[in-house]
Amino acid sequence: MRILPIFLFALACGGTSDDSASTNPAYPPNLPLAAELIAWSTPADCVVVELGCCDACNGGLAVAVNQGSLTEVTEDYSQDCTTPQTCTEMGCAPWELTCDEGACGLAPGSF
């Protein structure tokens, strides 16, 4: 009779489910991203993209890429958010883009 409570506890805690099928194996990407995704000609070429289900200051990930790579990076590296996520709710200052040595980058902003 002790097996039934253990079995029910395992079901309630999700011990028998496989969540790996609902995730993007490319998330999070290896950083830095490939040079062609972050290269810029002018600082205006750089944009910030949030790749996580939560924003970067609440457990997710943000990267800076060139505008021409925005769609590719979003499609290839975004976290699969079909499974509900719980995010913290900290206020996030806007990112500051950096453009050093021909590569887009990010720096934490301030309020």
PDB file of N, CA and C in Angstrom:
ATOM      1  N   MET A   1       0.818  -1.190   0.000  1.00  0.00           N
ATOM      2  CA  MET A   1       0.000   0.000   0.000  1.00  0.00           C
ATOM      3  C   MET A   1       0.869   1.263   0.000  1.00  0.00           C
ATOM      4  N   ARG A   2       2.138   1.174   0.361  1.00  0.00           N
ATOM      5  CA  ARG A   2       3.015   2.339   0.369  1.00  0.00           C
ATOM      6  C   ARG A   2       3.389   2.765  -1.044  1.00  0.00           C
ATOM      7  N   ILE A   3       3.289   1.883  -2.004  1.00  0.00           N
ATOM      8  CA  ILE A   3       3.670   2.210  -3.382  1.00  0.00           C
ATOM      9  C   ILE A   3       2.711   3.225  -3.984  1.00  0.00           C
ATOM     10  N   LEU A   4       1.435   3.113  -3.712  1.00  0.00           N
ATOM     11  CA  LEU A   4       0.449   4.026  -4.281  1.00  0.00           C
ATOM     12  C   LEU A   4       0.731   5.476  -3.913  1.00  0.00           C
ATOM     13  N   PRO A   5       0.982   5.851  -2.643  1.00  0.00           N
ATOM     14  CA  PRO A   5       1.287   7.259  -2.336  1.00  0.00           C
ATOM     15  C   PRO A   5       2.553   7.750  -3.031  1.00  0.00           C
ATOM     16  N   ILE A   6       3.580   6.910  -3.139  1.00  0.00           N
ATOM     17  CA  ILE A   6       4.806   7.320  -3.819  1.00  0.00           C
ATOM     18  C   ILE A   6       4.536   7.562  -5.295  1.00  0.00           C
ATOM     19  N   PHE A   7       3.752   6.691  -5.927  1.00  0.00           N
ATOM     20  CA  PHE A   7       3.402   6.838  -7.335  1.00  0.00           C
ATOM     21  C   PHE A   7       2.614   8.127  -7.556  1.00  0.00           C
ATOM     22  N   LEU A   8       1.641   8.382  -6.692  1.00  0.00           N
ATOM     23  CA  LEU A   8       0.833   9.600  -6.834  1.00  0.00           C
ATOM     24  C   LEU A   8       1.680  10.847  -6.627  1.00  0.00           C
ATOM     25  N   PHE A   9       2.622  10.810  -5.673  1.00  0.00           N
ATOM     26  CA  PHE A   9       3.520  11.937  -5.446  1.00  0.00           C
ATOM     27  C   PHE A   9       4.379  12.194  -6.687  1.00  0.00           C
ATOM     28  N   ALA A  10       4.897  11.128  -7.301  1.00  0.00           N
ATOM     29  CA  ALA A  10       5.724  11.267  -8.504  1.00  0.00           C
ATOM     30  C   ALA A  10       4.921  11.873  -9.643  1.00  0.00           C
ATOM     31  N   LEU A  11       3.681  11.473  -9.804  1.00  0.00           N
ATOM     32  CA  LEU A  11       2.836  12.052 -10.852  1.00  0.00           C
ATOM     33  C   LEU A  11       2.562  13.527 -10.582  1.00  0.00           C
ATOM     34  N   ALA A  12       2.261  13.860  -9.343  1.00  0.00           N
ATOM     35  CA  ALA A  12       1.964  15.247  -8.993  1.00  0.00           C
ATOM     36  C   ALA A  12       3.160  16.158  -9.188  1.00  0.00           C
ATOM     37  N   CYS A  13       4.361  15.641  -8.980  1.00  0.00           N
ATOM     38  CA  CYS A  13       5.577  16.447  -9.113  1.00  0.00           C
ATOM     39  C   CYS A  13       6.151  16.411 -10.514  1.00  0.00           C
ATOM     40  N   GLY A  14       5.515  15.722 -11.413  1.00  0.00           N
ATOM     41  CA  GLY A  14       6.009  15.664 -12.781  1.00  0.00           C
ATOM     42  C   GLY A  14       7.194  14.748 -12.941  1.00  0.00           C
ATOM     43  N   GLY A  15       7.396  13.842 -12.047  1.00  0.00           N
ATOM     44  CA  GLY A  15       8.549  12.963 -12.091  1.00  0.00           C
ATOM     45  C   GLY A  15       8.576  12.030 -13.279  1.00  0.00           C
ATOM     46  N   THR A  16       7.441  11.841 -13.941  1.00  0.00           N
ATOM     47  CA  THR A  16       7.415  10.926 -15.073  1.00  0.00           C
ATOM     48  C   THR A  16       7.330  11.634 -16.413  1.00  0.00           C
ATOM     49  N   SER A  17       7.316  12.956 -16.421  1.00  0.00           N
ATOM     50  CA  SER A  17       7.219  13.666 -17.701  1.00  0.00           C
ATOM     51  C   SER A  17       8.605  13.971 -18.246  1.00  0.00           C
ATOM     52  N   ASP A  18       8.674  14.198 -19.563  1.00  0.00           N
ATOM     53  CA  ASP A  18       9.931  14.524 -20.227  1.00  0.00           C
ATOM     54  C   ASP A  18       9.797  15.893 -20.848  1.00  0.00           C
ATOM     55  N   ASP A  19      10.336  16.924 -20.172  1.00  0.00           N
ATOM     56  CA  ASP A  19      10.227  18.295 -20.661  1.00  0.00           C
ATOM     57  C   ASP A  19      11.252  18.607 -21.738  1.00  0.00           C
ATOM     58  N   SER A  20      12.207  17.720 -21.996  1.00  0.00           N
ATOM     59  CA  SER A  20      13.265  18.016 -22.954  1.00  0.00           C
ATOM     60  C   SER A  20      12.731  18.168 -24.374  1.00  0.00           C
ATOM     61  N   ALA A  21      11.591  17.585 -24.677  1.00  0.00           N
ATOM     62  CA  ALA A  21      11.034  17.684 -26.027  1.00  0.00           C
ATOM     63  C   ALA A  21      10.522  19.087 -26.327  1.00  0.00           C
ATOM     64  N   SER A  22      10.294  19.913 -25.305  1.00  0.00           N
ATOM     65  CA  SER A  22       9.715  21.231 -25.530  1.00  0.00           C
ATOM     66  C   SER A  22      10.756  22.339 -25.450  1.00  0.00           C
ATOM     67  N   THR A  23      12.041  22.016 -25.554  1.00  0.00           N
ATOM     68  CA  THR A  23      13.063  23.046 -25.458  1.00  0.00           C
ATOM     69  C   THR A  23      13.859  23.144 -26.752  1.00  0.00           C
ATOM     70  N   ASN A  24      14.407  24.290 -27.008  1.00  0.00           N
ATOM     71  CA  ASN A  24      15.274  24.506 -28.158  1.00  0.00           C
ATOM     72  C   ASN A  24      16.690  24.116 -27.749  1.00  0.00           C
ATOM     73  N   PRO A  25      17.271  23.092 -28.372  1.00  0.00           N
ATOM     74  CA  PRO A  25      18.615  22.664 -27.971  1.00  0.00           C
ATOM     75  C   PRO A  25      19.690  23.720 -28.240  1.00  0.00           C
ATOM     76  N   ALA A  26      19.391  24.715 -29.067  1.00  0.00           N
ATOM     77  CA  ALA A  26      20.366  25.772 -29.362  1.00  0.00           C
ATOM     78  C   ALA A  26      20.326  26.901 -28.334  1.00  0.00           C
ATOM     79  N   TYR A  27      19.363  26.841 -27.389  1.00  0.00           N
ATOM     80  CA  TYR A  27      19.260  27.857 -26.343  1.00  0.00           C
ATOM     81  C   TYR A  27      19.853  27.325 -25.064  1.00  0.00           C
ATOM     82  N   PRO A  28      20.676  28.070 -24.386  1.00  0.00           N
ATOM     83  CA  PRO A  28      21.268  29.340 -24.782  1.00  0.00           C
ATOM     84  C   PRO A  28      22.405  29.115 -25.766  1.00  0.00           C
ATOM     85  N   PRO A  29      22.617  30.061 -26.671  1.00  0.00           N
ATOM     86  CA  PRO A  29      23.696  29.905 -27.644  1.00  0.00           C
ATOM     87  C   PRO A  29      25.067  30.081 -26.998  1.00  0.00           C
ATOM     88  N   ASN A  30      26.064  29.512 -27.623  1.00  0.00           N
ATOM     89  CA  ASN A  30      27.439  29.770 -27.188  1.00  0.00           C
ATOM     90  C   ASN A  30      27.764  31.223 -27.515  1.00  0.00           C
ATOM     91  N   LEU A  31      28.333  31.909 -26.561  1.00  0.00           N
ATOM     92  CA  LEU A  31      28.688  33.314 -26.756  1.00  0.00           C
ATOM     93  C   LEU A  31      30.196  33.466 -26.806  1.00  0.00           C
ATOM     94  N   PRO A  32      30.721  34.361 -27.570  1.00  0.00           N
ATOM     95  CA  PRO A  32      29.992  35.280 -28.438  1.00  0.00           C
ATOM     96  C   PRO A  32      29.414  34.549 -29.647  1.00  0.00           C
ATOM     97  N   LEU A  33      28.381  35.144 -30.222  1.00  0.00           N
ATOM     98  CA  LEU A  33      27.796  34.609 -31.440  1.00  0.00           C
ATOM     99  C   LEU A  33      28.796  34.723 -32.578  1.00  0.00           C
ATOM    100  N   ALA A  34      28.533  34.028 -33.665  1.00  0.00           N
ATOM    101  CA  ALA A  34      29.409  34.071 -34.837  1.00  0.00           C
ATOM    102  C   ALA A  34      29.604  35.513 -35.305  1.00  0.00           C
ATOM    103  N   ALA A  35      30.789  35.807 -35.791  1.00  0.00           N
ATOM    104  CA  ALA A  35      31.163  37.176 -36.178  1.00  0.00           C
ATOM    105  C   ALA A  35      30.195  37.789 -37.178  1.00  0.00           C
ATOM    106  N   GLU A  36      29.695  37.008 -38.126  1.00  0.00           N
ATOM    107  CA  GLU A  36      28.789  37.582 -39.131  1.00  0.00           C
ATOM    108  C   GLU A  36      27.445  38.003 -38.536  1.00  0.00           C
ATOM    109  N   LEU A  37      27.077  37.492 -37.359  1.00  0.00           N
ATOM    110  CA  LEU A  37      25.816  37.849 -36.717  1.00  0.00           C
ATOM    111  C   LEU A  37      25.924  39.128 -35.889  1.00  0.00           C
ATOM    112  N   ILE A  38      27.148  39.475 -35.493  1.00  0.00           N
ATOM    113  CA  ILE A  38      27.319  40.639 -34.614  1.00  0.00           C
ATOM    114  C   ILE A  38      28.148  41.757 -35.241  1.00  0.00           C
ATOM    115  N   ALA A  39      28.567  41.575 -36.492  1.00  0.00           N
ATOM    116  CA  ALA A  39      29.383  42.594 -37.167  1.00  0.00           C
ATOM    117  C   ALA A  39      28.541  43.833 -37.474  1.00  0.00           C
ATOM    118  N   TRP A  40      29.181  44.993 -37.478  1.00  0.00           N
ATOM    119  CA  TRP A  40      28.480  46.231 -37.795  1.00  0.00           C
ATOM    120  C   TRP A  40      29.347  47.131 -38.661  1.00  0.00           C
ATOM    121  N   SER A  41      28.671  47.967 -39.448  1.00  0.00           N
ATOM    122  CA  SER A  41      29.357  48.996 -40.231  1.00  0.00           C
ATOM    123  C   SER A  41      29.252  50.336 -39.531  1.00  0.00           C
ATOM    124  N   THR A  42      28.088  50.601 -38.954  1.00  0.00           N
ATOM    125  CA  THR A  42      27.862  51.803 -38.157  1.00  0.00           C
ATOM    126  C   THR A  42      27.170  51.371 -36.864  1.00  0.00           C
ATOM    127  N   PRO A  43      27.313  52.134 -35.792  1.00  0.00           N
ATOM    128  CA  PRO A  43      26.653  51.754 -34.537  1.00  0.00           C
ATOM    129  C   PRO A  43      25.143  51.556 -34.672  1.00  0.00           C
ATOM    130  N   ALA A  44      24.507  52.227 -35.601  1.00  0.00           N
ATOM    131  CA  ALA A  44      23.062  52.084 -35.788  1.00  0.00           C
ATOM    132  C   ALA A  44      22.682  50.695 -36.303  1.00  0.00           C
ATOM    133  N   ASP A  45      23.664  49.898 -36.750  1.00  0.00           N
ATOM    134  CA  ASP A  45      23.392  48.541 -37.220  1.00  0.00           C
ATOM    135  C   ASP A  45      23.037  47.589 -36.084  1.00  0.00           C
ATOM    136  N   CYS A  46      23.400  47.914 -34.844  1.00  0.00           N
ATOM    137  CA  CYS A  46      23.238  47.002 -33.715  1.00  0.00           C
ATOM    138  C   CYS A  46      21.863  47.138 -33.072  1.00  0.00           C
ATOM    139  N   VAL A  47      21.270  45.993 -32.712  1.00  0.00           N
ATOM    140  CA  VAL A  47      19.989  45.951 -32.004  1.00  0.00           C
ATOM    141  C   VAL A  47      20.085  44.902 -30.892  1.00  0.00           C
ATOM    142  N   VAL A  48      19.248  45.059 -29.891  1.00  0.00           N
ATOM    143  CA  VAL A  48      19.169  44.108 -28.788  1.00  0.00           C
ATOM    144  C   VAL A  48      18.037  43.129 -29.073  1.00  0.00           C
ATOM    145  N   VAL A  49      18.283  41.846 -28.832  1.00  0.00           N
ATOM    146  CA  VAL A  49      17.232  40.842 -28.954  1.00  0.00           C
ATOM    147  C   VAL A  49      17.216  40.003 -27.682  1.00  0.00           C
ATOM    148  N   GLU A  50      16.036  39.870 -27.094  1.00  0.00           N
ATOM    149  CA  GLU A  50      15.834  39.020 -25.916  1.00  0.00           C
ATOM    150  C   GLU A  50      15.549  37.612 -26.433  1.00  0.00           C
ATOM    151  N   LEU A  51      16.345  36.651 -26.016  1.00  0.00           N
ATOM    152  CA  LEU A  51      16.199  35.273 -26.492  1.00  0.00           C
ATOM    153  C   LEU A  51      15.471  34.373 -25.500  1.00  0.00           C
ATOM    154  N   GLY A  52      15.414  34.773 -24.245  1.00  0.00           N
ATOM    155  CA  GLY A  52      14.773  33.948 -23.232  1.00  0.00           C
ATOM    156  C   GLY A  52      13.297  34.242 -23.104  1.00  0.00           C
ATOM    157  N   CYS A  53      12.583  33.327 -22.466  1.00  0.00           N
ATOM    158  CA  CYS A  53      11.166  33.550 -22.186  1.00  0.00           C
ATOM    159  C   CYS A  53      10.994  34.705 -21.205  1.00  0.00           C
ATOM    160  N   CYS A  54      11.941  34.842 -20.300  1.00  0.00           N
ATOM    161  CA  CYS A  54      11.987  35.971 -19.379  1.00  0.00           C
ATOM    162  C   CYS A  54      13.004  36.964 -19.943  1.00  0.00           C
ATOM    163  N   ASP A  55      12.862  38.239 -19.611  1.00  0.00           N
ATOM    164  CA  ASP A  55      13.877  39.174 -20.077  1.00  0.00           C
ATOM    165  C   ASP A  55      15.178  38.920 -19.319  1.00  0.00           C
ATOM    166  N   ALA A  56      16.253  39.486 -19.806  1.00  0.00           N
ATOM    167  CA  ALA A  56      17.585  39.154 -19.303  1.00  0.00           C
ATOM    168  C   ALA A  56      17.782  39.474 -17.824  1.00  0.00           C
ATOM    169  N   CYS A  57      17.166  40.512 -17.309  1.00  0.00           N
ATOM    170  CA  CYS A  57      17.376  40.818 -15.887  1.00  0.00           C
ATOM    171  C   CYS A  57      16.461  39.993 -14.991  1.00  0.00           C
ATOM    172  N   ASN A  58      15.646  39.141 -15.589  1.00  0.00           N
ATOM    173  CA  ASN A  58      14.745  38.276 -14.830  1.00  0.00           C
ATOM    174  C   ASN A  58      14.938  36.807 -15.176  1.00  0.00           C
ATOM    175  N   GLY A  59      16.160  36.453 -15.554  1.00  0.00           N
ATOM    176  CA  GLY A  59      16.485  35.049 -15.770  1.00  0.00           C
ATOM    177  C   GLY A  59      16.667  34.627 -17.213  1.00  0.00           C
ATOM    178  N   GLY A  60      16.407  35.510 -18.158  1.00  0.00           N
ATOM    179  CA  GLY A  60      16.554  35.180 -19.576  1.00  0.00           C
ATOM    180  C   GLY A  60      17.916  35.564 -20.112  1.00  0.00           C
ATOM    181  N   LEU A  61      17.980  35.804 -21.404  1.00  0.00           N
ATOM    182  CA  LEU A  61      19.236  36.136 -22.069  1.00  0.00           C
ATOM    183  C   LEU A  61      18.971  37.162 -23.161  1.00  0.00           C
ATOM    184  N   ALA A  62      19.792  38.194 -23.204  1.00  0.00           N
ATOM    185  CA  ALA A  62      19.731  39.192 -24.273  1.00  0.00           C
ATOM    186  C   ALA A  62      21.087  39.231 -24.956  1.00  0.00           C
ATOM    187  N   VAL A  63      21.077  39.463 -26.263  1.00  0.00           N
ATOM    188  CA  VAL A  63      22.306  39.611 -27.031  1.00  0.00           C
ATOM    189  C   VAL A  63      22.148  40.791 -27.974  1.00  0.00           C
ATOM    190  N   ALA A  64      23.273  41.319 -28.417  1.00  0.00           N
ATOM    191  CA  ALA A  64      23.270  42.377 -29.422  1.00  0.00           C
ATOM    192  C   ALA A  64      23.717  41.758 -30.740  1.00  0.00           C
ATOM    193  N   VAL A  65      22.983  42.058 -31.793  1.00  0.00           N
ATOM    194  CA  VAL A  65      23.291  41.532 -33.127  1.00  0.00           C
ATOM    195  C   VAL A  65      23.121  42.646 -34.147  1.00  0.00           C
ATOM    196  N   ASN A  66      23.619  42.407 -35.367  1.00  0.00           N
ATOM    197  CA  ASN A  66      23.344  43.392 -36.408  1.00  0.00           C
ATOM    198  C   ASN A  66      21.912  43.186 -36.893  1.00  0.00           C
ATOM    199  N   GLN A  67      21.275  44.265 -37.336  1.00  0.00           N
ATOM    200  CA  GLN A  67      19.864  44.218 -37.716  1.00  0.00           C
ATOM    201  C   GLN A  67      19.581  43.180 -38.788  1.00  0.00           C
ATOM    202  N   GLY A  68      20.525  42.969 -39.693  1.00  0.00           N
ATOM    203  CA  GLY A  68      20.325  41.992 -40.753  1.00  0.00           C
ATOM    204  C   GLY A  68      20.261  40.558 -40.256  1.00  0.00           C
ATOM    205  N   SER A  69      20.757  40.307 -39.046  1.00  0.00           N
ATOM    206  CA  SER A  69      20.762  38.962 -38.469  1.00  0.00           C
ATOM    207  C   SER A  69      19.664  38.747 -37.443  1.00  0.00           C
ATOM    208  N   LEU A  70      18.868  39.763 -37.184  1.00  0.00           N
ATOM    209  CA  LEU A  70      17.863  39.702 -36.129  1.00  0.00           C
ATOM    210  C   LEU A  70      16.919  38.513 -36.297  1.00  0.00           C
ATOM    211  N   THR A  71      16.354  38.322 -37.460  1.00  0.00           N
ATOM    212  CA  THR A  71      15.414  37.221 -37.693  1.00  0.00           C
ATOM    213  C   THR A  71      16.099  35.876 -37.545  1.00  0.00           C
ATOM    214  N   GLU A  72      17.284  35.728 -38.125  1.00  0.00           N
ATOM    215  CA  GLU A  72      18.018  34.467 -38.034  1.00  0.00           C
ATOM    216  C   GLU A  72      18.340  34.107 -36.591  1.00  0.00           C
ATOM    217  N   VAL A  73      18.850  35.064 -35.833  1.00  0.00           N
ATOM    218  CA  VAL A  73      19.211  34.815 -34.440  1.00  0.00           C
ATOM    219  C   VAL A  73      17.968  34.473 -33.628  1.00  0.00           C
ATOM    220  N   THR A  74      16.893  35.212 -33.816  1.00  0.00           N
ATOM    221  CA  THR A  74      15.652  34.959 -33.082  1.00  0.00           C
ATOM    222  C   THR A  74      15.121  33.562 -33.383  1.00  0.00           C
ATOM    223  N   GLU A  75      15.073  33.195 -34.654  1.00  0.00           N
ATOM    224  CA  GLU A  75      14.548  31.876 -35.034  1.00  0.00           C
ATOM    225  C   GLU A  75      15.442  30.739 -34.562  1.00  0.00           C
ATOM    226  N   ASP A  76      16.753  30.913 -34.640  1.00  0.00           N
ATOM    227  CA  ASP A  76      17.684  29.832 -34.310  1.00  0.00           C
ATOM    228  C   ASP A  76      17.935  29.665 -32.821  1.00  0.00           C
ATOM    229  N   TYR A  77      17.978  30.762 -32.058  1.00  0.00           N
ATOM    230  CA  TYR A  77      18.475  30.691 -30.693  1.00  0.00           C
ATOM    231  C   TYR A  77      17.479  31.028 -29.595  1.00  0.00           C
ATOM    232  N   SER A  78      16.249  31.403 -29.924  1.00  0.00           N
ATOM    233  CA  SER A  78      15.283  31.756 -28.883  1.00  0.00           C
ATOM    234  C   SER A  78      14.870  30.531 -28.078  1.00  0.00           C
ATOM    235  N   GLN A  79      14.648  30.753 -26.799  1.00  0.00           N
ATOM    236  CA  GLN A  79      14.154  29.696 -25.925  1.00  0.00           C
ATOM    237  C   GLN A  79      12.741  29.329 -26.349  1.00  0.00           C
ATOM    238  N   ASP A  80      12.411  28.057 -26.295  1.00  0.00           N
ATOM    239  CA  ASP A  80      11.064  27.590 -26.603  1.00  0.00           C
ATOM    240  C   ASP A  80      10.178  27.915 -25.403  1.00  0.00           C
ATOM    241  N   CYS A  81       9.204  28.780 -25.604  1.00  0.00           N
ATOM    242  CA  CYS A  81       8.376  29.249 -24.494  1.00  0.00           C
ATOM    243  C   CYS A  81       6.986  28.621 -24.497  1.00  0.00           C
ATOM    244  N   THR A  82       6.855  27.439 -25.100  1.00  0.00           N
ATOM    245  CA  THR A  82       5.555  26.778 -25.110  1.00  0.00           C
ATOM    246  C   THR A  82       5.198  26.227 -23.737  1.00  0.00           C
ATOM    247  N   THR A  83       6.204  25.922 -22.924  1.00  0.00           N
ATOM    248  CA  THR A  83       5.969  25.494 -21.543  1.00  0.00           C
ATOM    249  C   THR A  83       5.940  26.747 -20.676  1.00  0.00           C
ATOM    250  N   PRO A  84       4.929  26.907 -19.839  1.00  0.00           N
ATOM    251  CA  PRO A  84       4.863  28.112 -18.997  1.00  0.00           C
ATOM    252  C   PRO A  84       6.130  28.308 -18.171  1.00  0.00           C
ATOM    253  N   GLN A  85       6.574  29.548 -18.097  1.00  0.00           N
ATOM    254  CA  GLN A  85       7.770  29.921 -17.347  1.00  0.00           C
ATOM    255  C   GLN A  85       7.369  30.848 -16.208  1.00  0.00           C
ATOM    256  N   THR A  86       8.106  30.763 -15.128  1.00  0.00           N
ATOM    257  CA  THR A  86       7.932  31.704 -14.032  1.00  0.00           C
ATOM    258  C   THR A  86       9.142  32.622 -14.017  1.00  0.00           C
ATOM    259  N   CYS A  87       8.902  33.897 -14.183  1.00  0.00           N
ATOM    260  CA  CYS A  87       9.987  34.875 -14.226  1.00  0.00           C
ATOM    261  C   CYS A  87       9.910  35.763 -12.986  1.00  0.00           C
ATOM    262  N   THR A  88      11.051  36.240 -12.531  1.00  0.00           N
ATOM    263  CA  THR A  88      11.028  37.262 -11.500  1.00  0.00           C
ATOM    264  C   THR A  88      10.486  38.531 -12.139  1.00  0.00           C
ATOM    265  N   GLU A  89      10.199  39.526 -11.363  1.00  0.00           N
ATOM    266  CA  GLU A  89       9.617  40.756 -11.904  1.00  0.00           C
ATOM    267  C   GLU A  89      10.419  41.980 -11.483  1.00  0.00           C
ATOM    268  N   MET A  90      11.728  41.883 -11.642  1.00  0.00           N
ATOM    269  CA  MET A  90      12.592  43.018 -11.335  1.00  0.00           C
ATOM    270  C   MET A  90      12.501  44.044 -12.463  1.00  0.00           C
ATOM    271  N   GLY A  91      12.608  45.300 -12.112  1.00  0.00           N
ATOM    272  CA  GLY A  91      12.634  46.342 -13.132  1.00  0.00           C
ATOM    273  C   GLY A  91      13.945  46.285 -13.900  1.00  0.00           C
ATOM    274  N   CYS A  92      13.868  46.467 -15.190  1.00  0.00           N
ATOM    275  CA  CYS A  92      15.052  46.376 -16.047  1.00  0.00           C
ATOM    276  C   CYS A  92      15.371  47.735 -16.658  1.00  0.00           C
ATOM    277  N   ALA A  93      16.581  48.172 -16.466  1.00  0.00           N
ATOM    278  CA  ALA A  93      17.027  49.397 -17.138  1.00  0.00           C
ATOM    279  C   ALA A  93      17.259  49.070 -18.609  1.00  0.00           C
ATOM    280  N   PRO A  94      17.073  50.020 -19.499  1.00  0.00           N
ATOM    281  CA  PRO A  94      17.329  49.757 -20.914  1.00  0.00           C
ATOM    282  C   PRO A  94      18.788  49.366 -21.143  1.00  0.00           C
ATOM    283  N   TRP A  95      19.018  48.458 -22.058  1.00  0.00           N
ATOM    284  CA  TRP A  95      20.383  48.064 -22.410  1.00  0.00           C
ATOM    285  C   TRP A  95      21.088  49.209 -23.115  1.00  0.00           C
ATOM    286  N   GLU A  96      22.382  49.277 -22.942  1.00  0.00           N
ATOM    287  CA  GLU A  96      23.196  50.218 -23.703  1.00  0.00           C
ATOM    288  C   GLU A  96      23.993  49.395 -24.709  1.00  0.00           C
ATOM    289  N   LEU A  97      23.829  49.726 -25.974  1.00  0.00           N
ATOM    290  CA  LEU A  97      24.573  49.030 -27.019  1.00  0.00           C
ATOM    291  C   LEU A  97      26.006  49.510 -27.035  1.00  0.00           C
ATOM    292  N   THR A  98      26.914  48.595 -27.228  1.00  0.00           N
ATOM    293  CA  THR A  98      28.318  48.943 -27.409  1.00  0.00           C
ATOM    294  C   THR A  98      28.717  48.433 -28.790  1.00  0.00           C
ATOM    295  N   CYS A  99      29.595  49.111 -29.411  1.00  0.00           N
ATOM    296  CA  CYS A  99      30.055  48.720 -30.745  1.00  0.00           C
ATOM    297  C   CYS A  99      31.566  48.869 -30.767  1.00  0.00           C
ATOM    298  N   ASP A 100      32.243  47.832 -30.344  1.00  0.00           N
ATOM    299  CA  ASP A 100      33.689  47.871 -30.227  1.00  0.00           C
ATOM    300  C   ASP A 100      34.335  46.927 -31.227  1.00  0.00           C
ATOM    301  N   GLU A 101      35.354  47.416 -31.903  1.00  0.00           N
ATOM    302  CA  GLU A 101      36.137  46.609 -32.826  1.00  0.00           C
ATOM    303  C   GLU A 101      35.274  45.852 -33.827  1.00  0.00           C
ATOM    304  N   GLY A 102      34.245  46.518 -34.319  1.00  0.00           N
ATOM    305  CA  GLY A 102      33.402  45.939 -35.360  1.00  0.00           C
ATOM    306  C   GLY A 102      32.392  44.922 -34.892  1.00  0.00           C
ATOM    307  N   ALA A 103      32.165  44.793 -33.578  1.00  0.00           N
ATOM    308  CA  ALA A 103      31.200  43.826 -33.052  1.00  0.00           C
ATOM    309  C   ALA A 103      30.190  44.513 -32.141  1.00  0.00           C
ATOM    310  N   CYS A 104      28.924  44.169 -32.329  1.00  0.00           N
ATOM    311  CA  CYS A 104      27.862  44.672 -31.456  1.00  0.00           C
ATOM    312  C   CYS A 104      27.987  44.026 -30.081  1.00  0.00           C
ATOM    313  N   GLY A 105      27.706  44.781 -29.038  1.00  0.00           N
ATOM    314  CA  GLY A 105      27.730  44.267 -27.679  1.00  0.00           C
ATOM    315  C   GLY A 105      26.733  44.992 -26.798  1.00  0.00           C
ATOM    316  N   LEU A 106      26.608  44.523 -25.567  1.00  0.00           N
ATOM    317  CA  LEU A 106      25.663  45.097 -24.603  1.00  0.00           C
ATOM    318  C   LEU A 106      26.373  45.489 -23.325  1.00  0.00           C
ATOM    319  N   ALA A 107      25.861  46.522 -22.714  1.00  0.00           N
ATOM    320  CA  ALA A 107      26.300  46.912 -21.379  1.00  0.00           C
ATOM    321  C   ALA A 107      25.031  47.190 -20.573  1.00  0.00           C
ATOM    322  N   PRO A 108      25.039  46.834 -19.277  1.00  0.00           N
ATOM    323  CA  PRO A 108      23.869  47.135 -18.463  1.00  0.00           C
ATOM    324  C   PRO A 108      23.617  48.634 -18.430  1.00  0.00           C
ATOM    325  N   GLY A 109      22.371  49.011 -18.597  1.00  0.00           N
ATOM    326  CA  GLY A 109      22.001  50.423 -18.527  1.00  0.00           C
ATOM    327  C   GLY A 109      21.753  50.835 -17.094  1.00  0.00           C
ATOM    328  N   SER A 110      21.351  52.054 -16.914  1.00  0.00           N
ATOM    329  CA  SER A 110      21.026  52.543 -15.577  1.00  0.00           C
ATOM    330  C   SER A 110      19.684  53.274 -15.632  1.00  0.00           C
ATOM    331  N   PHE A 111      19.053  53.347 -14.469  1.00  0.00           N
ATOM    332  CA  PHE A 111      17.745  54.014 -14.394  1.00  0.00           C
ATOM    333  C   PHE A 111      17.931  55.498 -14.311  1.00  0.00           C
TER     334      PHE A 111
END
